[in-house]
PDB file of N, CA and C in Angstrom:
ATOM      1  N   MET A   1       0.838  -1.162   0.000  1.00  0.00           N
ATOM      2  CA  MET A   1       0.000   0.000   0.000  1.00  0.00           C
ATOM      3  C   MET A   1       0.896   1.242   0.000  1.00  0.00           C
ATOM      4  N   ILE A   2       0.445   2.271  -0.688  1.00  0.00           N
ATOM      5  CA  ILE A   2       1.181   3.528  -0.759  1.00  0.00           C
ATOM      6  C   ILE A   2       0.282   4.658  -0.270  1.00  0.00           C
ATOM      7  N   VAL A   3       0.816   5.496   0.602  1.00  0.00           N
ATOM      8  CA  VAL A   3       0.107   6.683   1.068  1.00  0.00           C
ATOM      9  C   VAL A   3       0.916   7.896   0.617  1.00  0.00           C
ATOM     10  N   VAL A   4       0.236   8.847   0.012  1.00  0.00           N
ATOM     11  CA  VAL A   4       0.876  10.084  -0.426  1.00  0.00           C
ATOM     12  C   VAL A   4       0.250  11.246   0.336  1.00  0.00           C
ATOM     13  N   ARG A   5       1.111  12.105   0.885  1.00  0.00           N
ATOM     14  CA  ARG A   5       0.660  13.370   1.485  1.00  0.00           C
ATOM     15  C   ARG A   5       1.199  14.471   0.591  1.00  0.00           C
ATOM     16  N   PHE A   6       0.287  15.285   0.078  1.00  0.00           N
ATOM     17  CA  PHE A   6       0.627  16.342  -0.873  1.00  0.00           C
ATOM     18  C   PHE A   6       0.095  17.652  -0.303  1.00  0.00           C
ATOM     19  N   ARG A   7       0.977  18.654  -0.134  1.00  0.00           N
ATOM     20  CA  ARG A   7       0.587  19.920   0.498  1.00  0.00           C
ATOM     21  C   ARG A   7       1.036  21.078  -0.379  1.00  0.00           C
ATOM     22  N   VAL A   8       0.123  22.031  -0.593  1.00  0.00           N
ATOM     23  CA  VAL A   8       0.445  23.217  -1.373  1.00  0.00           C
ATOM     24  C   VAL A   8      -0.010  24.464  -0.626  1.00  0.00           C
ATOM     25  N   THR A   9       0.750  25.545  -0.805  1.00  0.00           N
ATOM     26  CA  THR A   9       0.377  26.852  -0.287  1.00  0.00           C
ATOM     27  C   THR A   9       0.169  27.776  -1.479  1.00  0.00           C
ATOM     28  N   CYS A  10      -1.028  28.320  -1.569  1.00  0.00           N
ATOM     29  CA  CYS A  10      -1.413  29.149  -2.707  1.00  0.00           C
ATOM     30  C   CYS A  10      -1.096  30.618  -2.475  1.00  0.00           C
ATOM     31  N   GLN A  11      -0.887  31.326  -3.568  1.00  0.00           N
ATOM     32  CA  GLN A  11      -0.908  32.776  -3.512  1.00  0.00           C
ATOM     33  C   GLN A  11      -2.340  33.151  -3.116  1.00  0.00           C
ATOM     34  N   PRO A  12      -2.513  34.052  -2.164  1.00  0.00           N
ATOM     35  CA  PRO A  12      -3.868  34.353  -1.667  1.00  0.00           C
ATOM     36  C   PRO A  12      -4.881  34.697  -2.763  1.00  0.00           C
ATOM     37  N   ASP A  13      -4.464  35.381  -3.806  1.00  0.00           N
ATOM     38  CA  ASP A  13      -5.406  35.745  -4.861  1.00  0.00           C
ATOM     39  C   ASP A  13      -5.694  34.591  -5.827  1.00  0.00           C
ATOM     40  N   ARG A  14      -5.044  33.446  -5.642  1.00  0.00           N
ATOM     41  CA  ARG A  14      -5.246  32.282  -6.514  1.00  0.00           C
ATOM     42  C   ARG A  14      -5.888  31.102  -5.794  1.00  0.00           C
ATOM     43  N   THR A  15      -6.169  31.252  -4.503  1.00  0.00           N
ATOM     44  CA  THR A  15      -6.687  30.144  -3.702  1.00  0.00           C
ATOM     45  C   THR A  15      -8.000  29.591  -4.242  1.00  0.00           C
ATOM     46  N   ASP A  16      -8.917  30.440  -4.656  1.00  0.00           N
ATOM     47  CA  ASP A  16     -10.197  29.947  -5.172  1.00  0.00           C
ATOM     48  C   ASP A  16     -10.018  29.164  -6.467  1.00  0.00           C
ATOM     49  N   ASP A  17      -9.099  29.608  -7.335  1.00  0.00           N
ATOM     50  CA  ASP A  17      -8.819  28.868  -8.568  1.00  0.00           C
ATOM     51  C   ASP A  17      -8.260  27.481  -8.257  1.00  0.00           C
ATOM     52  N   VAL A  18      -7.351  27.418  -7.294  1.00  0.00           N
ATOM     53  CA  VAL A  18      -6.760  26.136  -6.901  1.00  0.00           C
ATOM     54  C   VAL A  18      -7.825  25.235  -6.293  1.00  0.00           C
ATOM     55  N   ARG A  19      -8.667  25.783  -5.437  1.00  0.00           N
ATOM     56  CA  ARG A  19      -9.735  24.975  -4.836  1.00  0.00           C
ATOM     57  C   ARG A  19     -10.603  24.348  -5.912  1.00  0.00           C
ATOM     58  N   ARG A  20     -10.962  25.119  -6.925  1.00  0.00           N
ATOM     59  CA  ARG A  20     -11.826  24.596  -7.983  1.00  0.00           C
ATOM     60  C   ARG A  20     -11.168  23.443  -8.748  1.00  0.00           C
ATOM     61  N   VAL A  21      -9.899  23.592  -9.118  1.00  0.00           N
ATOM     62  CA  VAL A  21      -9.269  22.514  -9.886  1.00  0.00           C
ATOM     63  C   VAL A  21      -8.994  21.289  -9.021  1.00  0.00           C
ATOM     64  N   LEU A  22      -8.686  21.502  -7.744  1.00  0.00           N
ATOM     65  CA  LEU A  22      -8.496  20.352  -6.851  1.00  0.00           C
ATOM     66  C   LEU A  22      -9.819  19.628  -6.631  1.00  0.00           C
ATOM     67  N   GLU A  23     -10.886  20.393  -6.503  1.00  0.00           N
ATOM     68  CA  GLU A  23     -12.214  19.791  -6.352  1.00  0.00           C
ATOM     69  C   GLU A  23     -12.546  18.905  -7.551  1.00  0.00           C
ATOM     70  N   ASP A  24     -12.141  19.339  -8.743  1.00  0.00           N
ATOM     71  CA  ASP A  24     -12.398  18.563  -9.963  1.00  0.00           C
ATOM     72  C   ASP A  24     -11.616  17.255 -10.015  1.00  0.00           C
ATOM     73  N   VAL A  25     -10.556  17.136  -9.225  1.00  0.00           N
ATOM     74  CA  VAL A  25      -9.711  15.941  -9.223  1.00  0.00           C
ATOM     75  C   VAL A  25     -10.300  14.830  -8.349  1.00  0.00           C
ATOM     76  N   VAL A  26     -11.037  15.193  -7.308  1.00  0.00           N
ATOM     77  CA  VAL A  26     -11.434  14.227  -6.282  1.00  0.00           C
ATOM     78  C   VAL A  26     -12.310  13.100  -6.827  1.00  0.00           C
ATOM     79  N   ALA A  27     -13.441  13.416  -7.422  1.00  0.00           N
ATOM     80  CA  ALA A  27     -14.375  12.357  -7.857  1.00  0.00           C
ATOM     81  C   ALA A  27     -13.750  11.390  -8.850  1.00  0.00           C
ATOM     82  N   PRO A  28     -13.085  11.871  -9.913  1.00  0.00           N
ATOM     83  CA  PRO A  28     -12.490  10.895 -10.840  1.00  0.00           C
ATOM     84  C   PRO A  28     -11.373  10.077 -10.199  1.00  0.00           C
ATOM     85  N   SER A  29     -10.639  10.669  -9.278  1.00  0.00           N
ATOM     86  CA  SER A  29      -9.561   9.929  -8.604  1.00  0.00           C
ATOM     87  C   SER A  29     -10.127   8.788  -7.774  1.00  0.00           C
ATOM     88  N   ARG A  30     -11.238   9.035  -7.127  1.00  0.00           N
ATOM     89  CA  ARG A  30     -11.860   7.994  -6.295  1.00  0.00           C
ATOM     90  C   ARG A  30     -12.390   6.834  -7.122  1.00  0.00           C
ATOM     91  N   GLN A  31     -12.569   7.028  -8.414  1.00  0.00           N
ATOM     92  CA  GLN A  31     -13.080   5.976  -9.297  1.00  0.00           C
ATOM     93  C   GLN A  31     -11.971   5.120  -9.908  1.00  0.00           C
ATOM     94  N   VAL A  32     -10.729   5.521  -9.740  1.00  0.00           N
ATOM     95  CA  VAL A  32      -9.611   4.789 -10.342  1.00  0.00           C
ATOM     96  C   VAL A  32      -9.410   3.463  -9.617  1.00  0.00           C
ATOM     97  N   ASP A  33      -9.261   2.404 -10.398  1.00  0.00           N
ATOM     98  CA  ASP A  33      -9.001   1.085  -9.829  1.00  0.00           C
ATOM     99  C   ASP A  33      -7.733   1.129  -8.983  1.00  0.00           C
ATOM    100  N   GLY A  34      -7.818   0.665  -7.745  1.00  0.00           N
ATOM    101  CA  GLY A  34      -6.666   0.623  -6.858  1.00  0.00           C
ATOM    102  C   GLY A  34      -6.525   1.842  -5.962  1.00  0.00           C
ATOM    103  N   VAL A  35      -7.424   2.818  -6.101  1.00  0.00           N
ATOM    104  CA  VAL A  35      -7.421   3.952  -5.183  1.00  0.00           C
ATOM    105  C   VAL A  35      -8.269   3.558  -3.971  1.00  0.00           C
ATOM    106  N   VAL A  36      -7.624   3.463  -2.826  1.00  0.00           N
ATOM    107  CA  VAL A  36      -8.304   3.071  -1.587  1.00  0.00           C
ATOM    108  C   VAL A  36      -9.069   4.260  -1.025  1.00  0.00           C
ATOM    109  N   SER A  37      -8.428   5.414  -0.973  1.00  0.00           N
ATOM    110  CA  SER A  37      -9.095   6.648  -0.568  1.00  0.00           C
ATOM    111  C   SER A  37      -8.337   7.825  -1.153  1.00  0.00           C
ATOM    112  N   PHE A  38      -9.082   8.922  -1.325  1.00  0.00           N
ATOM    113  CA  PHE A  38      -8.493  10.113  -1.920  1.00  0.00           C
ATOM    114  C   PHE A  38      -9.244  11.317  -1.359  1.00  0.00           C
ATOM    115  N   ASP A  39      -8.568  12.104  -0.550  1.00  0.00           N
ATOM    116  CA  ASP A  39      -9.198  13.240   0.106  1.00  0.00           C
ATOM    117  C   ASP A  39      -8.311  14.470   0.007  1.00  0.00           C
ATOM    118  N   ILE A  40      -8.944  15.624  -0.205  1.00  0.00           N
ATOM    119  CA  ILE A  40      -8.234  16.892  -0.192  1.00  0.00           C
ATOM    120  C   ILE A  40      -8.987  17.820   0.748  1.00  0.00           C
ATOM    121  N   GLY A  41      -8.247  18.436   1.670  1.00  0.00           N
ATOM    122  CA  GLY A  41      -8.861  19.358   2.617  1.00  0.00           C
ATOM    123  C   GLY A  41      -8.055  20.632   2.723  1.00  0.00           C
ATOM    124  N   ARG A  42      -8.635  21.572   3.420  1.00  0.00           N
ATOM    125  CA  ARG A  42      -7.991  22.853   3.659  1.00  0.00           C
ATOM    126  C   ARG A  42      -7.424  22.872   5.061  1.00  0.00           C
ATOM    127  N   ASP A  43      -6.273  23.460   5.229  1.00  0.00           N
ATOM    128  CA  ASP A  43      -5.664  23.614   6.548  1.00  0.00           C
ATOM    129  C   ASP A  43      -6.549  24.548   7.376  1.00  0.00           C
ATOM    130  N   VAL A  44      -6.945  24.131   8.565  1.00  0.00           N
ATOM    131  CA  VAL A  44      -7.844  24.950   9.383  1.00  0.00           C
ATOM    132  C   VAL A  44      -7.165  26.211   9.909  1.00  0.00           C
ATOM    133  N   SER A  45      -5.847  26.266   9.898  1.00  0.00           N
ATOM    134  CA  SER A  45      -5.152  27.454  10.396  1.00  0.00           C
ATOM    135  C   SER A  45      -4.627  28.352   9.277  1.00  0.00           C
ATOM    136  N   ASP A  46      -4.720  27.901   8.016  1.00  0.00           N
ATOM    137  CA  ASP A  46      -4.259  28.710   6.891  1.00  0.00           C
ATOM    138  C   ASP A  46      -5.140  28.412   5.680  1.00  0.00           C
ATOM    139  N   PRO A  47      -6.049  29.301   5.333  1.00  0.00           N
ATOM    140  CA  PRO A  47      -6.989  29.030   4.243  1.00  0.00           C
ATOM    141  C   PRO A  47      -6.341  28.953   2.859  1.00  0.00           C
ATOM    142  N   ASP A  48      -5.062  29.298   2.757  1.00  0.00           N
ATOM    143  CA  ASP A  48      -4.358  29.208   1.478  1.00  0.00           C
ATOM    144  C   ASP A  48      -3.611  27.896   1.305  1.00  0.00           C
ATOM    145  N   VAL A  49      -3.778  26.972   2.249  1.00  0.00           N
ATOM    146  CA  VAL A  49      -3.085  25.682   2.208  1.00  0.00           C
ATOM    147  C   VAL A  49      -4.096  24.558   1.991  1.00  0.00           C
ATOM    148  N   PHE A  50      -3.763  23.684   1.041  1.00  0.00           N
ATOM    149  CA  PHE A  50      -4.544  22.477   0.782  1.00  0.00           C
ATOM    150  C   PHE A  50      -3.646  21.269   1.009  1.00  0.00           C
ATOM    151  N   ILE A  51      -4.236  20.215   1.588  1.00  0.00           N
ATOM    152  CA  ILE A  51      -3.495  18.989   1.858  1.00  0.00           C
ATOM    153  C   ILE A  51      -4.294  17.807   1.307  1.00  0.00           C
ATOM    154  N   ALA A  52      -3.636  17.029   0.470  1.00  0.00           N
ATOM    155  CA  ALA A  52      -4.246  15.815  -0.066  1.00  0.00           C
ATOM    156  C   ALA A  52      -3.645  14.613   0.653  1.00  0.00           C
ATOM    157  N   THR A  53      -4.511  13.693   1.018  1.00  0.00           N
ATOM    158  CA  THR A  53      -4.086  12.407   1.570  1.00  0.00           C
ATOM    159  C   THR A  53      -4.642  11.340   0.637  1.00  0.00           C
ATOM    160  N   GLU A  54      -3.740  10.614   0.012  1.00  0.00           N
ATOM    161  CA  GLU A  54      -4.106   9.674  -1.035  1.00  0.00           C
ATOM    162  C   GLU A  54      -3.584   8.290  -0.669  1.00  0.00           C
ATOM    163  N   VAL A  55      -4.445   7.273  -0.784  1.00  0.00           N
ATOM    164  CA  VAL A  55      -4.044   5.908  -0.439  1.00  0.00           C
ATOM    165  C   VAL A  55      -4.295   5.016  -1.658  1.00  0.00           C
ATOM    166  N   PHE A  56      -3.254   4.292  -2.044  1.00  0.00           N
ATOM    167  CA  PHE A  56      -3.290   3.449  -3.239  1.00  0.00           C
ATOM    168  C   PHE A  56      -2.904   2.015  -2.891  1.00  0.00           C
ATOM    169  N   ASP A  57      -3.472   1.065  -3.631  1.00  0.00           N
ATOM    170  CA  ASP A  57      -3.075  -0.339  -3.453  1.00  0.00           C
ATOM    171  C   ASP A  57      -1.607  -0.544  -3.800  1.00  0.00           C
ATOM    172  N   ASP A  58      -1.141   0.148  -4.844  1.00  0.00           N
ATOM    173  CA  ASP A  58       0.224  -0.052  -5.322  1.00  0.00           C
ATOM    174  C   ASP A  58       0.638   1.115  -6.216  1.00  0.00           C
ATOM    175  N   ARG A  59       1.864   1.066  -6.711  1.00  0.00           N
ATOM    176  CA  ARG A  59       2.389   2.143  -7.560  1.00  0.00           C
ATOM    177  C   ARG A  59       1.609   2.260  -8.863  1.00  0.00           C
ATOM    178  N   ALA A  60       1.144   1.154  -9.385  1.00  0.00           N
ATOM    179  CA  ALA A  60       0.377   1.190 -10.631  1.00  0.00           C
ATOM    180  C   ALA A  60      -0.908   2.000 -10.453  1.00  0.00           C
ATOM    181  N   ALA A  61      -1.557   1.867  -9.320  1.00  0.00           N
ATOM    182  CA  ALA A  61      -2.776   2.645  -9.049  1.00  0.00           C
ATOM    183  C   ALA A  61      -2.448   4.131  -8.936  1.00  0.00           C
ATOM    184  N   LEU A  62      -1.349   4.447  -8.276  1.00  0.00           N
ATOM    185  CA  LEU A  62      -0.914   5.844  -8.178  1.00  0.00           C
ATOM    186  C   LEU A  62      -0.647   6.402  -9.572  1.00  0.00           C
ATOM    187  N   ASP A  63       0.034   5.640 -10.408  1.00  0.00           N
ATOM    188  CA  ASP A  63       0.334   6.079 -11.771  1.00  0.00           C
ATOM    189  C   ASP A  63      -0.949   6.290 -12.579  1.00  0.00           C
ATOM    190  N   ARG A  64      -1.940   5.413 -12.408  1.00  0.00           N
ATOM    191  CA  ARG A  64      -3.214   5.575 -13.120  1.00  0.00           C
ATOM    192  C   ARG A  64      -3.903   6.860 -12.676  1.00  0.00           C
ATOM    193  N   GLN A  65      -3.892   7.124 -11.386  1.00  0.00           N
ATOM    194  CA  GLN A  65      -4.533   8.348 -10.883  1.00  0.00           C
ATOM    195  C   GLN A  65      -3.798   9.571 -11.405  1.00  0.00           C
ATOM    196  N   GLU A  66      -2.491   9.557 -11.389  1.00  0.00           N
ATOM    197  CA  GLU A  66      -1.715  10.708 -11.861  1.00  0.00           C
ATOM    198  C   GLU A  66      -1.878  10.952 -13.354  1.00  0.00           C
ATOM    199  N   SER A  67      -2.333   9.952 -14.109  1.00  0.00           N
ATOM    200  CA  SER A  67      -2.501  10.117 -15.554  1.00  0.00           C
ATOM    201  C   SER A  67      -3.858  10.710 -15.935  1.00  0.00           C
ATOM    202  N   LEU A  68      -4.711  10.975 -14.959  1.00  0.00           N
ATOM    203  CA  LEU A  68      -6.019  11.559 -15.251  1.00  0.00           C
ATOM    204  C   LEU A  68      -5.870  12.960 -15.853  1.00  0.00           C
ATOM    205  N   ALA A  69      -6.753  13.280 -16.785  1.00  0.00           N
ATOM    206  CA  ALA A  69      -6.757  14.622 -17.385  1.00  0.00           C
ATOM    207  C   ALA A  69      -6.983  15.700 -16.333  1.00  0.00           C
ATOM    208  N   GLU A  70      -7.797  15.405 -15.339  1.00  0.00           N
ATOM    209  CA  GLU A  70      -8.078  16.382 -14.280  1.00  0.00           C
ATOM    210  C   GLU A  70      -6.831  16.696 -13.460  1.00  0.00           C
ATOM    211  N   VAL A  71      -5.972  15.712 -13.289  1.00  0.00           N
ATOM    212  CA  VAL A  71      -4.716  15.940 -12.564  1.00  0.00           C
ATOM    213  C   VAL A  71      -3.808  16.845 -13.396  1.00  0.00           C
ATOM    214  N   ALA A  72      -3.718  16.597 -14.690  1.00  0.00           N
ATOM    215  CA  ALA A  72      -2.900  17.446 -15.559  1.00  0.00           C
ATOM    216  C   ALA A  72      -3.405  18.880 -15.537  1.00  0.00           C
ATOM    217  N   SER A  73      -4.707  19.050 -15.575  1.00  0.00           N
ATOM    218  CA  SER A  73      -5.293  20.389 -15.531  1.00  0.00           C
ATOM    219  C   SER A  73      -4.970  21.081 -14.211  1.00  0.00           C
ATOM    220  N   ALA A  74      -5.103  20.355 -13.122  1.00  0.00           N
ATOM    221  CA  ALA A  74      -4.796  20.922 -11.801  1.00  0.00           C
ATOM    222  C   ALA A  74      -3.323  21.307 -11.714  1.00  0.00           C
ATOM    223  N   MET A  75      -2.448  20.467 -12.209  1.00  0.00           N
ATOM    224  CA  MET A  75      -1.021  20.762 -12.131  1.00  0.00           C
ATOM    225  C   MET A  75      -0.667  22.017 -12.924  1.00  0.00           C
ATOM    226  N   SER A  76      -1.337  22.245 -14.043  1.00  0.00           N
ATOM    227  CA  SER A  76      -1.043  23.454 -14.822  1.00  0.00           C
ATOM    228  C   SER A  76      -1.481  24.709 -14.070  1.00  0.00           C
ATOM    229  N   VAL A  77      -2.571  24.626 -13.323  1.00  0.00           N
ATOM    230  CA  VAL A  77      -3.005  25.766 -12.506  1.00  0.00           C
ATOM    231  C   VAL A  77      -2.067  25.948 -11.316  1.00  0.00           C
ATOM    232  N   LEU A  78      -1.642  24.839 -10.708  1.00  0.00           N
ATOM    233  CA  LEU A  78      -0.738  24.930  -9.560  1.00  0.00           C
ATOM    234  C   LEU A  78       0.581  25.602  -9.935  1.00  0.00           C
ATOM    235  N   GLU A  79       1.081  25.334 -11.135  1.00  0.00           N
ATOM    236  CA  GLU A  79       2.365  25.899 -11.568  1.00  0.00           C
ATOM    237  C   GLU A  79       2.416  27.417 -11.455  1.00  0.00           C
ATOM    238  N   LYS A  80       1.280  28.074 -11.644  1.00  0.00           N
ATOM    239  CA  LYS A  80       1.261  29.536 -11.616  1.00  0.00           C
ATOM    240  C   LYS A  80       0.541  30.102 -10.394  1.00  0.00           C
ATOM    241  N   SER A  81       0.216  29.249  -9.424  1.00  0.00           N
ATOM    242  CA  SER A  81      -0.630  29.680  -8.322  1.00  0.00           C
ATOM    243  C   SER A  81      -0.035  29.497  -6.935  1.00  0.00           C
ATOM    244  N   LEU A  82       1.132  28.901  -6.832  1.00  0.00           N
ATOM    245  CA  LEU A  82       1.685  28.574  -5.516  1.00  0.00           C
ATOM    246  C   LEU A  82       2.777  29.553  -5.105  1.00  0.00           C
ATOM    247  N   VAL A  83       2.989  29.659  -3.794  1.00  0.00           N
ATOM    248  CA  VAL A  83       4.058  30.517  -3.279  1.00  0.00           C
ATOM    249  C   VAL A  83       5.405  29.791  -3.269  1.00  0.00           C
ATOM    250  N   GLY A  84       5.383  28.488  -3.419  1.00  0.00           N
ATOM    251  CA  GLY A  84       6.594  27.675  -3.446  1.00  0.00           C
ATOM    252  C   GLY A  84       6.258  26.316  -4.011  1.00  0.00           C
ATOM    253  N   PRO A  85       7.237  25.450  -4.118  1.00  0.00           N
ATOM    254  CA  PRO A  85       6.963  24.118  -4.668  1.00  0.00           C
ATOM    255  C   PRO A  85       6.058  23.305  -3.741  1.00  0.00           C
ATOM    256  N   PRO A  86       5.272  22.398  -4.331  1.00  0.00           N
ATOM    257  CA  PRO A  86       4.454  21.511  -3.490  1.00  0.00           C
ATOM    258  C   PRO A  86       5.349  20.652  -2.597  1.00  0.00           C
ATOM    259  N   GLU A  87       4.813  20.276  -1.464  1.00  0.00           N
ATOM    260  CA  GLU A  87       5.479  19.310  -0.589  1.00  0.00           C
ATOM    261  C   GLU A  87       4.787  17.971  -0.799  1.00  0.00           C
ATOM    262  N   ALA A  88       5.560  16.946  -1.023  1.00  0.00           N
ATOM    263  CA  ALA A  88       4.967  15.623  -1.209  1.00  0.00           C
ATOM    264  C   ALA A  88       5.838  14.581  -0.530  1.00  0.00           C
ATOM    265  N   THR A  89       5.173  13.660   0.140  1.00  0.00           N
ATOM    266  CA  THR A  89       5.851  12.540   0.788  1.00  0.00           C
ATOM    267  C   THR A  89       5.105  11.273   0.415  1.00  0.00           C
ATOM    268  N   VAL A  90       5.861  10.254   0.026  1.00  0.00           N
ATOM    269  CA  VAL A  90       5.290   8.949  -0.300  1.00  0.00           C
ATOM    270  C   VAL A  90       5.677   7.981   0.813  1.00  0.00           C
ATOM    271  N   TYR A  91       4.671   7.343   1.381  1.00  0.00           N
ATOM    272  CA  TYR A  91       4.893   6.347   2.439  1.00  0.00           C
ATOM    273  C   TYR A  91       4.559   4.968   1.883  1.00  0.00           C
ATOM    274  N   HIS A  92       5.451   4.023   2.083  1.00  0.00           N
ATOM    275  CA  HIS A  92       5.208   2.639   1.696  1.00  0.00           C
ATOM    276  C   HIS A  92       4.789   1.905   2.954  1.00  0.00           C
ATOM    277  N   VAL A  93       3.550   1.441   2.979  1.00  0.00           N
ATOM    278  CA  VAL A  93       2.946   0.870   4.176  1.00  0.00           C
ATOM    279  C   VAL A  93       2.817  -0.643   3.995  1.00  0.00           C
ATOM    280  N   SER A  94       3.311  -1.378   4.940  1.00  0.00           N
ATOM    281  CA  SER A  94       3.236  -2.839   4.825  1.00  0.00           C
ATOM    282  C   SER A  94       1.971  -3.414   5.480  1.00  0.00           C
ATOM    283  N   ARG A  95       1.369  -2.636   6.379  1.00  0.00           N
ATOM    284  CA  ARG A  95       0.197  -3.152   7.085  1.00  0.00           C
ATOM    285  C   ARG A  95      -0.654  -1.980   7.545  1.00  0.00           C
ATOM    286  N   ALA A  96      -1.968  -2.169   7.541  1.00  0.00           N
ATOM    287  CA  ALA A  96      -2.897  -1.154   8.047  1.00  0.00           C
ATOM    288  C   ALA A  96      -4.039  -1.868   8.759  1.00  0.00           C
ATOM    289  N   GLU A  97      -4.614  -1.196   9.726  1.00  0.00           N
ATOM    290  CA  GLU A  97      -5.759  -1.759  10.453  1.00  0.00           C
ATOM    291  C   GLU A  97      -6.651  -0.610  10.891  1.00  0.00           C
ATOM    292  N   PRO A  98      -7.926  -0.860  11.108  1.00  0.00           N
ATOM    293  CA  PRO A  98      -8.821   0.194  11.576  1.00  0.00           C
ATOM    294  C   PRO A  98      -8.373   0.703  12.955  1.00  0.00           C
ATOM    295  N   TYR A  99      -8.479   1.975  13.168  1.00  0.00           N
ATOM    296  CA  TYR A  99      -8.111   2.569  14.446  1.00  0.00           C
ATOM    297  C   TYR A  99      -9.102   2.131  15.516  1.00  0.00           C
ATOM    298  N   GLY A 100      -8.575   1.773  16.668  1.00  0.00           N
ATOM    299  CA  GLY A 100      -9.429   1.407  17.799  1.00  0.00           C
ATOM    300  C   GLY A 100      -9.772  -0.076  17.885  1.00  0.00           C
ATOM    301  N   ASP A 101      -9.336  -0.863  16.926  1.00  0.00           N
ATOM    302  CA  ASP A 101      -9.621  -2.321  16.999  1.00  0.00           C
ATOM    303  C   ASP A 101      -8.473  -3.051  17.629  1.00  0.00           C
TER     304      ASP A 101
END
């Protein structure tokens, strides 16, 4: 299993544009075979920050999700809308279990 944490900080005047393109990525990403979960939220302490938490069965599923047209569109908007480069971390997880069990 692969978990990706992706964080971006937007230029304040571009935050709404980024929100719209990120919103367009969520539904199609959740439909990709091998995507366990795909969520994007806003940082509660900084409205110009978005954080995606993405869980994939394997690298092939991640590659399929990244090949979506909506992802390409979002990346083109991000290129001109961020205050710095995106932060991304890939975690390779060998085991997962429900919390509290």
